């Protein structure tokens, strides 16, 4: 008799195989099971790290990515049911500017929350291996944003994507593959301009993308406060996180990215944790600004960034819009890079255009809270008052509206432990401004490139992948963990 784990693996294998053939970017006539690159086992060191952190090989994963720091994080569910950081990978190359992608050919790497299913895993990518980010999502489409086949892939080359080394993407791909074999139907991909810290928000307070960044920060806060994957919904051209039917409601919630938000509530245990975190962050942001925290320079002519670990390996390598190379790193960077850097790599270059520092001015447009549940209390603090004036207070995390919205309708905090119903008003946000680059308008495609030898990992001895073998033969049996957010309810709202 086939046990439950083996049956689940067989079913998931069939989904992976069919998805690889049906996905728009995965049109090659090959299945996941017959591809040696896609079947490389998870490296022993990573498996050891999972064991040390009380994680199963096939438990669910979640990925977070940060442009400015040029880092990609893989989080994995441990046996307690919460997500913990498994490993951080330096990003070899990303393109565009800090800010969301808005149109095909703008060379922007997307920002926001996306869902990665087995069908988006590409074992026959022209860039070694890849997975499609799922851009545009419902929010992007509601604003008329365009773009296609935006990937996380190997080859350290980007024209709108996030590029790793071949060795890195093979490892990330294997970890994701195992989570699918364990029963995860899709893993969440969170892409940010930078780590959502008070220091970074004070530093970038003049950036025109700030309303969008404040909106997605709420999702970041939900994850960091709970270490659970936040449910994501869209309405009124905005993100909504962890919505649930109000108390006493018998009808399931229905969300439409372009329509008015239904009445919903955020569970009290989540809302209170997020509210406390946002209150601390807003106070610190105001404190930093009051002390004259410098404003980030507006850079022109720089296309994307590269982690300083890789930039230090290249002659006159630049990190671009990512964190700069630390003093002395180039002369002391004798350790091997985390993967093979191809000779065709094109690091970001500073153009002749000068970078211009801007002074701080309060935002002219009013913003509205995306959920009255998360509005922090109003302590009598000069820093908090300053934060409120410049748009960081009162959980003000949604996109800027064309018409100012009155703040007089803010509900009062109640001592009741019951969840509170949020009925935000409809508005139409401005589309974030995106800097035009002089580079040709090319979308990231997985069309066949010229033949190139496959890279060999330098960080570990080569492993023998199982070729033409059933997927279950090389996968240890491990009972998948049940997530607090079930696989059926991820990226959907139901009772």
Foldseek 3Di string as FASTA:
>chain_A
DDDPLRVLLVVLQVVLQVLLCPDPQNPDPDGLQFFQLLQDAQDPVLVVLCVVVQHDLQAAWAWEAAFQQQKIWIWGQHPVQFTDTRDIDHFAWAWFAFAAAAEFQQLAAHAFKAKWFSSQWHCPFLQNTWGFRHPPDLLNVLVVGDADRAIEGEQSDGRHHTYHHNLVVSNVSNSNSSNSSQPFGIYMYGYHNHPPALLVCLQALPALRQLQRLQRVLLVLLCVLGSARWFWAAALSGIDTQWAQAPPDPDFADHHNDHFGDKTFHQLVSLVSSLVVLVVSLLVNLVCVVVPNFYDWAAPQWIGAGNLLNQLVDVNRAGGSYDTHDPPCNVVSPDDHQHDNDPPNDGIDRDPDDTGGDDDDADPFAADAPFLSNFHDDDPDPSNVSSVRRQSHRSRRHATFPHHDDPVPRDDDDPDNGTDIGRDDRTHHDDRDGDHHPDGRDGDGRPNDPDDDDTDGPVDHDDRGDRPDDSVVPRDRDNYDAHPQGSVPHNHTTD
